[in-house]
Protein backbone atom coordinates (compact mmCIF):
# COMPACT_ATOMS: atom_id res chain seq x y z
CA UNK A 1 135.69 157.48 77.34
CA UNK A 2 136.71 153.63 76.03
CA UNK A 3 138.75 153.87 79.03
CA UNK A 4 136.07 154.56 80.61
CA UNK A 5 133.39 151.85 79.45
CA UNK A 6 136.80 149.32 79.95
CA UNK A 7 137.57 150.07 83.55
CA UNK A 8 134.48 149.10 84.26
CA UNK A 9 133.71 146.05 82.72
CA UNK A 10 137.09 144.76 83.89
CA UNK A 11 135.80 146.61 87.43
CA UNK A 12 133.03 144.38 86.70
CA UNK A 13 134.29 141.44 86.32
CA UNK A 14 136.79 141.72 89.36
CA UNK A 15 133.81 141.92 91.56
CA UNK A 16 131.28 139.45 90.60
CA UNK A 17 133.89 135.92 90.49
CA UNK A 18 133.17 135.92 94.30
CA UNK A 19 129.21 135.83 93.74
CA UNK A 20 129.25 133.01 92.31
CA UNK A 21 131.87 131.04 94.37
CA UNK A 22 130.00 127.53 96.59
CA UNK A 23 130.09 126.27 99.70
CA UNK A 24 131.36 123.03 99.15
CA UNK A 25 130.41 122.13 102.59
CA UNK A 26 131.43 117.73 103.93
CA UNK A 27 128.77 114.81 104.08
CA UNK A 28 127.99 115.56 107.28
CA UNK A 29 127.64 118.21 107.17
CA UNK A 30 124.46 117.83 104.37
CA UNK A 31 123.49 114.33 106.39
CA UNK A 32 123.21 116.86 110.12
CA UNK A 33 121.85 119.92 108.12
CA UNK A 34 118.76 116.84 106.26
CA UNK A 35 118.42 114.95 109.96
CA UNK A 36 116.92 118.13 111.35
CA UNK A 37 114.52 118.71 108.58
CA UNK A 38 112.83 114.96 108.71
CA UNK A 39 110.28 115.27 110.49
CA UNK A 40 110.42 111.95 113.40
CA UNK A 41 107.36 111.72 114.12
CA UNK A 42 104.87 110.75 111.15
CA UNK A 43 105.46 108.61 108.69
CA UNK A 44 105.16 109.36 104.18
CA UNK A 45 102.76 106.31 104.38
CA UNK A 46 100.27 104.65 105.75
CA UNK A 47 101.35 100.38 106.73
CA UNK A 48 99.16 99.07 103.64
CA UNK A 49 97.06 96.25 103.83
CA UNK A 50 96.62 94.56 100.69
CA UNK A 51 92.23 96.13 100.44
CA UNK A 52 93.42 99.57 100.94
CA UNK A 53 94.93 101.55 97.69
CA UNK A 54 98.70 103.10 97.52
CA UNK A 55 97.92 105.58 95.60
CA UNK A 56 94.96 106.94 98.49
CA UNK A 57 95.85 110.18 100.46
CA UNK A 58 97.60 109.57 103.65
CA UNK A 59 94.21 110.44 105.93
CA UNK A 60 92.71 107.94 103.72
CA UNK A 61 95.74 104.93 103.18
CA UNK A 62 95.66 105.83 107.88
CA UNK A 63 91.99 105.73 107.76
CA UNK A 64 91.86 102.21 105.76
CA UNK A 65 94.86 100.89 107.26
CA UNK A 66 92.22 101.11 110.89
CA UNK A 67 89.41 100.28 109.47
CA UNK A 68 90.53 96.89 108.28
CA UNK A 69 92.02 96.69 112.23
CA UNK A 70 88.88 97.25 113.52
CA UNK A 71 86.73 95.84 111.06
CA UNK A 72 89.13 92.08 112.04
CA UNK A 73 88.57 92.49 115.83
CA UNK A 74 85.02 93.04 115.42
CA UNK A 75 84.45 90.14 113.78
CA UNK A 76 87.53 88.11 115.67
CA UNK A 77 84.97 88.64 119.23
CA UNK A 78 81.52 88.43 116.60
CA UNK A 79 82.80 84.87 116.88
CA UNK A 80 83.60 84.18 120.41
CA UNK A 81 80.91 84.20 123.01
CA UNK A 82 81.17 87.32 125.51
CA UNK A 83 78.27 86.40 128.20
CA UNK A 84 78.36 89.07 131.61
CA UNK A 85 76.07 89.32 133.66
CA UNK A 86 75.81 93.00 134.10
CA UNK A 87 76.15 95.60 131.79
CA UNK A 88 79.32 96.51 129.77
CA UNK A 89 80.44 99.45 128.23
CA UNK A 90 84.54 100.35 128.48
CA UNK A 91 86.88 101.58 125.58
CA UNK A 92 90.43 99.36 125.17
CA UNK A 93 93.48 101.12 124.12
CA UNK A 94 95.14 97.80 122.06
CA UNK A 95 99.37 99.58 121.20
CA UNK A 96 99.85 97.70 117.80
CA UNK A 97 103.59 97.38 117.24
CA UNK A 98 103.86 97.36 113.24
CA UNK A 99 107.83 96.28 112.37
CA UNK A 100 109.38 97.70 109.09
CA UNK A 101 109.25 94.42 107.68
CA UNK A 102 104.97 95.05 108.00
CA UNK A 103 104.50 92.14 110.94
CA UNK A 104 102.49 93.47 113.30
CA UNK A 105 101.85 92.78 117.25
CA UNK A 106 100.94 93.63 119.97
CA UNK A 107 101.79 96.08 122.38
CA UNK A 108 99.78 97.01 125.19
CA UNK A 109 96.57 96.59 125.94
CA UNK A 110 95.06 98.76 128.58
CA UNK A 111 91.55 99.11 129.63
CA UNK A 112 89.62 98.72 133.35
CA UNK A 113 89.99 96.37 135.15
CA UNK A 114 86.60 95.03 135.45
CA UNK A 115 85.78 94.87 131.60
CA UNK A 116 89.26 92.24 131.68
CA UNK A 117 87.48 90.99 135.13
CA UNK A 118 83.92 90.29 133.28
CA UNK A 119 86.04 88.48 130.42
CA UNK A 120 88.75 86.83 131.70
CA UNK A 121 89.89 85.53 127.89
CA UNK A 122 89.30 88.97 126.61
CA UNK A 123 93.35 89.42 126.37
CA UNK A 124 93.09 86.41 124.96
CA UNK A 125 91.10 86.45 122.20
CA UNK A 126 92.62 89.89 121.69
CA UNK A 127 96.67 89.01 120.86
CA UNK A 128 94.66 85.51 119.02
CA UNK A 129 93.45 88.48 116.87
CA UNK A 130 96.98 89.47 116.10
CA UNK A 131 97.99 86.48 115.33
CA UNK A 132 95.66 86.20 112.14
CA UNK A 133 94.80 89.59 110.56
CA UNK A 134 96.75 89.58 107.48
CA UNK A 135 100.28 90.58 105.03
CA UNK A 136 100.72 94.15 106.30
CA UNK A 137 102.91 95.83 104.03
CA UNK A 138 105.45 98.66 106.29
CA UNK A 139 105.36 102.60 106.34
CA UNK A 140 107.21 104.03 104.57
CA UNK A 141 109.77 107.00 105.86
CA UNK A 142 111.19 108.43 102.46
CA UNK A 143 111.00 105.26 100.33
CA UNK A 144 112.55 103.40 103.48
CA UNK A 145 110.54 100.71 105.72
CA UNK A 146 110.21 102.01 109.15
CA UNK A 147 108.93 100.96 112.90
CA UNK A 148 105.50 102.44 113.99
CA UNK A 149 103.34 102.11 116.89
CA UNK A 150 99.44 102.70 116.49
CA UNK A 151 96.60 102.81 119.71
CA UNK A 152 93.74 101.31 118.44
CA UNK A 153 90.46 102.06 120.94
CA UNK A 154 88.11 98.90 120.35
CA UNK A 155 84.83 99.48 121.92
CA UNK A 156 83.19 96.97 123.93
CA UNK A 157 79.16 96.67 124.79
CA UNK A 158 77.26 94.03 126.36
CA UNK A 159 74.05 93.83 127.81
CA UNK A 160 73.26 91.86 130.71
CA UNK A 161 71.80 88.22 130.28
CA UNK A 162 68.25 87.44 131.24
CA UNK A 163 66.76 84.76 132.28
């Protein structure tokens, strides 16, 4: 009985050791696996203006960022004389880039050619508005500042001047 018990323990010790073997992987393999697991189309935190709290949830951060941008452009355009001889209703799409340092630049402005014909200075005004934006904190991906790009819809509505 004792010999059978000892043989059982000896057998358990010799076979169980290989269950505890750890597989070594190289740092390159680890990096490759880690890069596969990252969702590159999403950031962990959105760019952040001083009026937005960093502690907000991701969706609230995005909303605060976009609302701050829209309010800024709205206020800047209110200072301009948007005069049109006909009613105008269009959505202008502004593609904005925020670099890893938090600097915002205007990459593209897209809209109806009629809108730009009726408001020829609109692109210039929007470009000037971008240069007066407050400083931002860059978006973060795994704690590292990254470049991001946003498309912001700007709804324009004017009423024709009547004499």
